[in-house]
């Protein structure tokens, strides 16, 4: 009898541990609204983005709730989104003819090396190689 009553508990525990889907109770009410507000704020303050703690305070959430809402909606954490957004902005500036050293501070990277690391990580090429490939004289 004890084994029989523990079987459903065991199966539930195993399903929770090894399941790839999240339970419905793990959602944050208004996750999309929260994520879009965070995304817009990060995009607006690209050169000096606010900390996760200050974003959470401004939205009246805990950092964990903010992270959960953002990741649920966007599929990646805020820092990864910010890095990808910076790289996308850098691409546009490189296409306009600016050099990587000029682009780096405009999109919030500390220096050209920082831009190069993230650019290569996201796109698989260096900013200089990308600029050369999209240059009209190439």
N, C-alpha and C. Protein backbone atom coordinates (compact mmCIF):
# COMPACT_ATOMS: atom_id res chain seq x y z
N UNK A 1 0.83 -1.19 0.00
CA UNK A 1 0.00 0.00 0.00
C UNK A 1 0.87 1.26 0.00
N UNK A 2 1.91 1.28 0.81
CA UNK A 2 2.79 2.44 0.87
C UNK A 2 3.48 2.67 -0.47
N UNK A 3 3.95 1.58 -1.09
CA UNK A 3 4.60 1.69 -2.40
C UNK A 3 3.62 2.20 -3.44
N UNK A 4 2.40 1.74 -3.36
CA UNK A 4 1.38 2.16 -4.31
C UNK A 4 1.05 3.64 -4.16
N UNK A 5 1.06 4.15 -2.95
CA UNK A 5 0.75 5.56 -2.74
C UNK A 5 1.95 6.46 -3.08
N UNK A 6 3.13 5.90 -3.03
CA UNK A 6 4.32 6.69 -3.37
C UNK A 6 4.59 6.72 -4.87
N UNK A 7 4.04 5.80 -5.62
CA UNK A 7 4.30 5.75 -7.05
C UNK A 7 3.89 7.03 -7.77
N UNK A 8 2.69 7.56 -7.56
CA UNK A 8 2.35 8.82 -8.24
C UNK A 8 3.28 9.97 -7.84
N UNK A 9 3.66 10.03 -6.58
CA UNK A 9 4.59 11.06 -6.12
C UNK A 9 5.93 10.91 -6.83
N UNK A 10 6.43 9.68 -6.93
CA UNK A 10 7.71 9.41 -7.59
C UNK A 10 7.64 9.80 -9.07
N UNK A 11 6.57 9.42 -9.74
CA UNK A 11 6.44 9.77 -11.15
C UNK A 11 6.35 11.28 -11.36
N UNK A 12 5.64 11.96 -10.49
CA UNK A 12 5.55 13.42 -10.58
C UNK A 12 6.91 14.06 -10.35
N UNK A 13 7.63 13.58 -9.34
CA UNK A 13 8.96 14.12 -9.05
C UNK A 13 9.90 13.89 -10.23
N UNK A 14 9.87 12.71 -10.82
CA UNK A 14 10.72 12.42 -11.98
C UNK A 14 10.35 13.30 -13.17
N UNK A 15 9.06 13.47 -13.40
CA UNK A 15 8.62 14.31 -14.51
C UNK A 15 9.07 15.75 -14.33
N UNK A 16 8.96 16.27 -13.12
CA UNK A 16 9.39 17.65 -12.86
C UNK A 16 10.89 17.80 -13.04
N UNK A 17 11.64 16.82 -12.59
CA UNK A 17 13.10 16.91 -12.64
C UNK A 17 13.62 16.81 -14.07
N UNK A 18 13.02 15.96 -14.88
CA UNK A 18 13.57 15.67 -16.21
C UNK A 18 12.76 16.27 -17.36
N UNK A 19 11.72 16.98 -17.05
CA UNK A 19 10.89 17.58 -18.09
C UNK A 19 11.56 18.83 -18.64
N UNK A 20 11.39 19.08 -19.92
CA UNK A 20 11.95 20.29 -20.52
C UNK A 20 10.97 21.46 -20.45
N UNK A 21 9.70 21.19 -20.22
CA UNK A 21 8.74 22.28 -20.12
C UNK A 21 8.65 22.76 -18.68
N UNK A 22 8.32 24.02 -18.54
CA UNK A 22 8.20 24.63 -17.22
C UNK A 22 6.75 24.56 -16.76
N UNK A 23 6.53 24.41 -15.47
CA UNK A 23 5.15 24.42 -14.98
C UNK A 23 4.53 25.81 -15.15
N UNK A 24 3.23 25.84 -15.30
CA UNK A 24 2.53 27.10 -15.54
C UNK A 24 2.69 28.08 -14.38
N UNK A 25 2.88 27.59 -13.18
CA UNK A 25 2.98 28.47 -12.02
C UNK A 25 4.31 29.22 -11.98
N UNK A 26 5.22 28.90 -12.90
CA UNK A 26 6.53 29.54 -12.92
C UNK A 26 6.52 30.81 -13.77
N UNK A 27 5.36 31.22 -14.25
CA UNK A 27 5.29 32.40 -15.10
C UNK A 27 5.12 33.66 -14.26
N UNK A 28 5.50 34.76 -14.85
CA UNK A 28 5.33 36.05 -14.20
C UNK A 28 4.19 36.76 -14.92
N UNK A 29 3.25 37.24 -14.16
CA UNK A 29 2.10 37.95 -14.75
C UNK A 29 2.62 39.17 -15.51
N UNK A 30 2.18 39.31 -16.76
CA UNK A 30 2.61 40.44 -17.58
C UNK A 30 4.03 40.32 -18.08
N UNK A 31 4.52 39.10 -18.27
CA UNK A 31 5.92 38.88 -18.66
C UNK A 31 6.29 39.62 -19.93
N UNK A 32 5.42 39.61 -20.92
CA UNK A 32 5.74 40.27 -22.19
C UNK A 32 5.89 41.78 -21.98
N UNK A 33 4.99 42.37 -21.23
CA UNK A 33 5.07 43.81 -20.95
C UNK A 33 6.37 44.14 -20.22
N UNK A 34 6.73 43.34 -19.24
CA UNK A 34 7.96 43.54 -18.48
C UNK A 34 9.17 43.41 -19.40
N UNK A 35 9.19 42.35 -20.20
CA UNK A 35 10.34 42.11 -21.08
C UNK A 35 10.51 43.24 -22.09
N UNK A 36 9.41 43.71 -22.66
CA UNK A 36 9.51 44.78 -23.65
C UNK A 36 9.95 46.09 -22.99
N UNK A 37 9.50 46.34 -21.77
CA UNK A 37 9.94 47.54 -21.05
C UNK A 37 11.44 47.48 -20.78
N UNK A 38 11.93 46.32 -20.36
CA UNK A 38 13.36 46.15 -20.10
C UNK A 38 14.14 46.28 -21.40
N UNK A 39 13.66 45.63 -22.46
CA UNK A 39 14.33 45.70 -23.76
C UNK A 39 14.44 47.15 -24.24
N UNK A 40 13.35 47.89 -24.14
CA UNK A 40 13.36 49.28 -24.60
C UNK A 40 14.32 50.13 -23.78
N UNK A 41 14.33 49.90 -22.49
CA UNK A 41 15.22 50.68 -21.63
C UNK A 41 16.68 50.35 -21.92
N UNK A 42 17.00 49.07 -22.11
CA UNK A 42 18.37 48.68 -22.45
C UNK A 42 18.78 49.28 -23.79
N UNK A 43 17.88 49.26 -24.75
CA UNK A 43 18.18 49.82 -26.07
C UNK A 43 18.38 51.33 -26.00
N UNK A 44 17.59 52.01 -25.18
CA UNK A 44 17.70 53.47 -25.05
C UNK A 44 18.97 53.89 -24.32
N UNK A 45 19.44 53.07 -23.40
CA UNK A 45 20.61 53.40 -22.59
C UNK A 45 21.76 52.46 -22.94
N UNK A 46 22.04 52.35 -24.22
CA UNK A 46 23.01 51.39 -24.74
C UNK A 46 24.42 51.61 -24.21
N UNK A 47 24.84 52.86 -24.11
CA UNK A 47 26.21 53.13 -23.69
C UNK A 47 26.43 52.95 -22.20
N UNK A 48 25.41 53.15 -21.41
CA UNK A 48 25.52 52.96 -19.95
C UNK A 48 24.22 52.31 -19.47
N UNK A 49 24.06 51.02 -19.72
CA UNK A 49 22.80 50.35 -19.37
C UNK A 49 22.59 50.27 -17.86
N UNK A 50 21.34 50.33 -17.44
CA UNK A 50 21.05 50.21 -16.00
C UNK A 50 21.33 48.79 -15.51
N UNK A 51 21.57 48.68 -14.23
CA UNK A 51 21.81 47.36 -13.64
C UNK A 51 20.49 46.59 -13.55
N UNK A 52 20.62 45.30 -13.43
CA UNK A 52 19.45 44.45 -13.27
C UNK A 52 18.67 44.84 -12.01
N UNK A 53 19.40 45.16 -10.96
CA UNK A 53 18.76 45.55 -9.70
C UNK A 53 17.95 46.83 -9.86
N UNK A 54 18.51 47.82 -10.56
CA UNK A 54 17.77 49.08 -10.72
C UNK A 54 16.56 48.89 -11.64
N UNK A 55 16.69 48.06 -12.66
CA UNK A 55 15.54 47.76 -13.52
C UNK A 55 14.43 47.09 -12.71
N UNK A 56 14.82 46.14 -11.87
CA UNK A 56 13.83 45.42 -11.05
C UNK A 56 13.13 46.38 -10.09
N UNK A 57 13.89 47.25 -9.46
CA UNK A 57 13.30 48.22 -8.52
C UNK A 57 12.33 49.14 -9.26
N UNK A 58 12.74 49.63 -10.43
CA UNK A 58 11.87 50.52 -11.20
C UNK A 58 10.56 49.86 -11.61
N UNK A 59 10.60 48.55 -11.83
CA UNK A 59 9.40 47.82 -12.25
C UNK A 59 8.66 47.19 -11.07
N UNK A 60 9.20 47.36 -9.86
CA UNK A 60 8.54 46.81 -8.68
C UNK A 60 8.61 45.29 -8.60
N UNK A 61 9.71 44.73 -9.08
CA UNK A 61 9.89 43.27 -9.10
C UNK A 61 11.18 42.89 -8.40
N UNK A 62 11.31 41.60 -8.13
CA UNK A 62 12.61 41.10 -7.69
C UNK A 62 13.46 40.87 -8.93
N UNK A 63 14.76 40.77 -8.75
CA UNK A 63 15.63 40.49 -9.90
C UNK A 63 15.26 39.15 -10.53
N UNK A 64 14.91 38.19 -9.70
CA UNK A 64 14.55 36.87 -10.20
C UNK A 64 13.30 36.95 -11.07
N UNK A 65 12.29 37.69 -10.63
CA UNK A 65 11.07 37.83 -11.43
C UNK A 65 11.35 38.51 -12.76
N UNK A 66 12.19 39.55 -12.72
CA UNK A 66 12.54 40.25 -13.94
C UNK A 66 13.27 39.31 -14.91
N UNK A 67 14.24 38.56 -14.41
CA UNK A 67 14.97 37.61 -15.26
C UNK A 67 14.04 36.57 -15.85
N UNK A 68 13.16 36.04 -15.03
CA UNK A 68 12.22 35.02 -15.49
C UNK A 68 11.30 35.56 -16.58
N UNK A 69 10.77 36.76 -16.36
CA UNK A 69 9.87 37.37 -17.34
C UNK A 69 10.61 37.63 -18.66
N UNK A 70 11.82 38.16 -18.56
CA UNK A 70 12.58 38.48 -19.77
C UNK A 70 12.94 37.21 -20.53
N UNK A 71 13.45 36.23 -19.81
CA UNK A 71 13.87 34.99 -20.47
C UNK A 71 12.68 34.23 -21.06
N UNK A 72 11.55 34.25 -20.37
CA UNK A 72 10.35 33.58 -20.88
C UNK A 72 9.90 34.21 -22.19
N UNK A 73 9.94 35.53 -22.26
CA UNK A 73 9.46 36.23 -23.45
C UNK A 73 10.49 36.27 -24.57
N UNK A 74 11.74 36.58 -24.24
CA UNK A 74 12.77 36.78 -25.26
C UNK A 74 13.57 35.52 -25.58
N UNK A 75 13.56 34.57 -24.67
CA UNK A 75 14.31 33.33 -24.90
C UNK A 75 15.75 33.38 -24.45
N UNK A 76 16.24 34.54 -24.05
CA UNK A 76 17.60 34.71 -23.57
C UNK A 76 17.59 35.70 -22.42
N UNK A 77 18.62 35.70 -21.57
CA UNK A 77 18.66 36.67 -20.48
C UNK A 77 18.98 38.08 -20.99
N UNK A 78 18.70 39.11 -20.18
CA UNK A 78 18.92 40.49 -20.62
C UNK A 78 20.34 40.78 -21.09
N UNK A 79 21.34 40.25 -20.40
CA UNK A 79 22.73 40.54 -20.78
C UNK A 79 23.03 40.01 -22.18
N UNK A 80 22.55 38.81 -22.50
CA UNK A 80 22.77 38.24 -23.83
C UNK A 80 22.03 39.06 -24.89
N UNK A 81 20.81 39.50 -24.56
CA UNK A 81 20.06 40.33 -25.50
C UNK A 81 20.81 41.64 -25.76
N UNK A 82 21.32 42.25 -24.68
CA UNK A 82 22.04 43.51 -24.80
C UNK A 82 23.27 43.34 -25.69
N UNK A 83 24.02 42.27 -25.50
CA UNK A 83 25.21 42.03 -26.32
C UNK A 83 24.83 41.86 -27.79
N UNK A 84 23.77 41.10 -28.05
CA UNK A 84 23.33 40.92 -29.44
C UNK A 84 22.84 42.24 -30.05
N UNK A 85 22.14 43.01 -29.26
CA UNK A 85 21.66 44.31 -29.75
C UNK A 85 22.83 45.23 -30.07
N UNK A 86 23.83 45.24 -29.20
CA UNK A 86 25.02 46.06 -29.45
C UNK A 86 25.71 45.63 -30.74
N UNK A 87 25.82 44.33 -30.95
CA UNK A 87 26.45 43.83 -32.17
C UNK A 87 25.63 44.23 -33.40
N UNK A 88 24.32 44.15 -33.31
CA UNK A 88 23.47 44.56 -34.44
C UNK A 88 23.62 46.05 -34.74
N UNK A 89 23.68 46.86 -33.70
CA UNK A 89 23.91 48.30 -33.90
C UNK A 89 25.29 48.54 -34.50
N UNK A 90 26.28 47.79 -34.02
CA UNK A 90 27.64 47.91 -34.56
C UNK A 90 27.66 47.56 -36.04
N UNK A 91 26.93 46.52 -36.42
CA UNK A 91 26.85 46.14 -37.84
C UNK A 91 26.35 47.31 -38.69
N UNK A 92 25.30 47.94 -38.23
CA UNK A 92 24.73 49.06 -38.99
C UNK A 92 25.74 50.20 -39.11
N UNK A 93 26.46 50.49 -38.04
CA UNK A 93 27.45 51.57 -38.07
C UNK A 93 28.64 51.20 -38.96
N UNK A 94 29.05 49.94 -38.93
CA UNK A 94 30.14 49.50 -39.80
C UNK A 94 29.71 49.59 -41.27
N UNK A 95 28.47 49.26 -41.54
CA UNK A 95 27.95 49.35 -42.91
C UNK A 95 27.90 50.80 -43.39
N UNK A 96 27.78 51.74 -42.45
CA UNK A 96 27.76 53.16 -42.83
C UNK A 96 29.16 53.70 -43.09
N UNK A 97 30.19 52.88 -42.83
CA UNK A 97 31.56 53.30 -43.14
C UNK A 97 32.44 53.61 -41.95
N UNK A 98 31.89 53.58 -40.74
CA UNK A 98 32.72 53.85 -39.56
C UNK A 98 33.69 52.69 -39.31
N UNK A 99 34.82 53.02 -38.70
CA UNK A 99 35.81 51.99 -38.35
C UNK A 99 35.44 51.34 -37.02
N UNK A 100 35.89 50.10 -36.79
CA UNK A 100 35.57 49.41 -35.53
C UNK A 100 35.96 50.20 -34.28
N UNK A 101 37.09 50.89 -34.32
CA UNK A 101 37.51 51.67 -33.15
C UNK A 101 36.54 52.82 -32.87
N UNK A 102 35.92 53.35 -33.90
CA UNK A 102 34.93 54.42 -33.71
C UNK A 102 33.59 53.86 -33.24
N UNK A 103 33.26 52.67 -33.71
CA UNK A 103 31.97 52.05 -33.42
C UNK A 103 31.88 51.58 -31.97
N UNK A 104 32.96 51.00 -31.46
CA UNK A 104 32.93 50.37 -30.12
C UNK A 104 32.32 51.26 -29.04
N UNK A 105 32.81 52.48 -28.83
CA UNK A 105 32.22 53.28 -27.75
C UNK A 105 30.79 53.75 -28.05
N UNK A 106 30.45 53.86 -29.32
CA UNK A 106 29.10 54.31 -29.69
C UNK A 106 28.02 53.29 -29.33
N UNK A 107 28.40 52.02 -29.28
CA UNK A 107 27.42 50.98 -28.97
C UNK A 107 27.60 50.40 -27.56
N UNK A 108 28.49 51.01 -26.77
CA UNK A 108 28.60 50.61 -25.37
C UNK A 108 29.68 49.60 -25.05
N UNK A 109 30.56 49.28 -26.00
CA UNK A 109 31.67 48.39 -25.69
C UNK A 109 32.82 49.22 -25.13
N UNK A 110 33.60 48.61 -24.24
CA UNK A 110 34.68 49.33 -23.58
C UNK A 110 35.76 49.77 -24.56
N UNK A 111 36.06 48.93 -25.53
CA UNK A 111 37.09 49.24 -26.51
C UNK A 111 36.91 48.35 -27.74
N UNK A 112 37.81 48.50 -28.71
CA UNK A 112 37.69 47.73 -29.94
C UNK A 112 37.84 46.23 -29.68
N UNK A 113 38.69 45.85 -28.75
CA UNK A 113 38.88 44.42 -28.44
C UNK A 113 37.59 43.81 -27.89
N UNK A 114 36.91 44.55 -27.04
CA UNK A 114 35.64 44.09 -26.48
C UNK A 114 34.60 43.92 -27.59
N UNK A 115 34.53 44.88 -28.49
CA UNK A 115 33.64 44.79 -29.65
C UNK A 115 33.99 43.56 -30.49
N UNK A 116 35.28 43.37 -30.74
CA UNK A 116 35.72 42.26 -31.59
C UNK A 116 35.35 40.92 -30.97
N UNK A 117 35.53 40.76 -29.67
CA UNK A 117 35.17 39.50 -29.00
C UNK A 117 33.69 39.18 -29.18
N UNK A 118 32.84 40.16 -28.89
CA UNK A 118 31.40 39.92 -28.99
C UNK A 118 30.95 39.78 -30.44
N UNK A 119 31.51 40.58 -31.32
CA UNK A 119 31.14 40.51 -32.73
C UNK A 119 31.46 39.13 -33.28
N UNK A 120 32.64 38.63 -32.98
CA UNK A 120 33.04 37.30 -33.44
C UNK A 120 32.15 36.23 -32.81
N UNK A 121 31.83 36.38 -31.54
CA UNK A 121 30.99 35.40 -30.85
C UNK A 121 29.60 35.33 -31.47
N UNK A 122 29.04 36.48 -31.80
CA UNK A 122 27.67 36.52 -32.32
C UNK A 122 27.61 36.23 -33.82
N UNK A 123 28.53 36.81 -34.60
CA UNK A 123 28.45 36.70 -36.06
C UNK A 123 29.49 35.77 -36.68
N UNK A 124 30.52 35.43 -35.93
CA UNK A 124 31.53 34.51 -36.45
C UNK A 124 32.63 35.17 -37.28
N UNK A 125 32.61 36.49 -37.39
CA UNK A 125 33.66 37.23 -38.10
C UNK A 125 34.05 38.44 -37.27
N UNK A 126 35.21 39.01 -37.57
CA UNK A 126 35.63 40.21 -36.86
C UNK A 126 34.92 41.43 -37.46
N UNK A 127 34.85 42.52 -36.71
CA UNK A 127 34.23 43.73 -37.25
C UNK A 127 34.95 44.25 -38.50
N UNK A 128 36.28 44.17 -38.50
CA UNK A 128 37.03 44.64 -39.67
C UNK A 128 36.71 43.80 -40.90
N UNK A 129 36.65 42.49 -40.73
CA UNK A 129 36.32 41.61 -41.86
C UNK A 129 34.90 41.88 -42.34
N UNK A 130 33.99 42.10 -41.42
CA UNK A 130 32.61 42.41 -41.79
C UNK A 130 32.55 43.72 -42.57
N UNK A 131 33.25 44.73 -42.06
CA UNK A 131 33.25 46.05 -42.72
C UNK A 131 33.80 45.94 -44.13
N UNK A 132 34.87 45.17 -44.28
CA UNK A 132 35.46 44.96 -45.61
C UNK A 132 34.47 44.26 -46.54
N UNK A 133 33.75 43.28 -46.00
CA UNK A 133 32.83 42.51 -46.85
C UNK A 133 31.61 43.32 -47.30
N UNK A 134 31.23 44.33 -46.55
CA UNK A 134 30.05 45.12 -46.92
C UNK A 134 30.43 46.47 -47.55
N UNK A 135 31.71 46.74 -47.61
CA UNK A 135 32.17 48.00 -48.17
C UNK A 135 31.89 48.03 -49.67
N UNK A 136 31.39 49.15 -50.19
CA UNK A 136 31.09 49.22 -51.62
C UNK A 136 32.34 49.12 -52.51
N UNK A 137 33.51 49.41 -51.96
CA UNK A 137 34.74 49.34 -52.75
C UNK A 137 35.40 47.99 -52.66
N UNK A 138 34.81 47.04 -51.90
CA UNK A 138 35.43 45.72 -51.73
C UNK A 138 35.27 44.86 -52.95
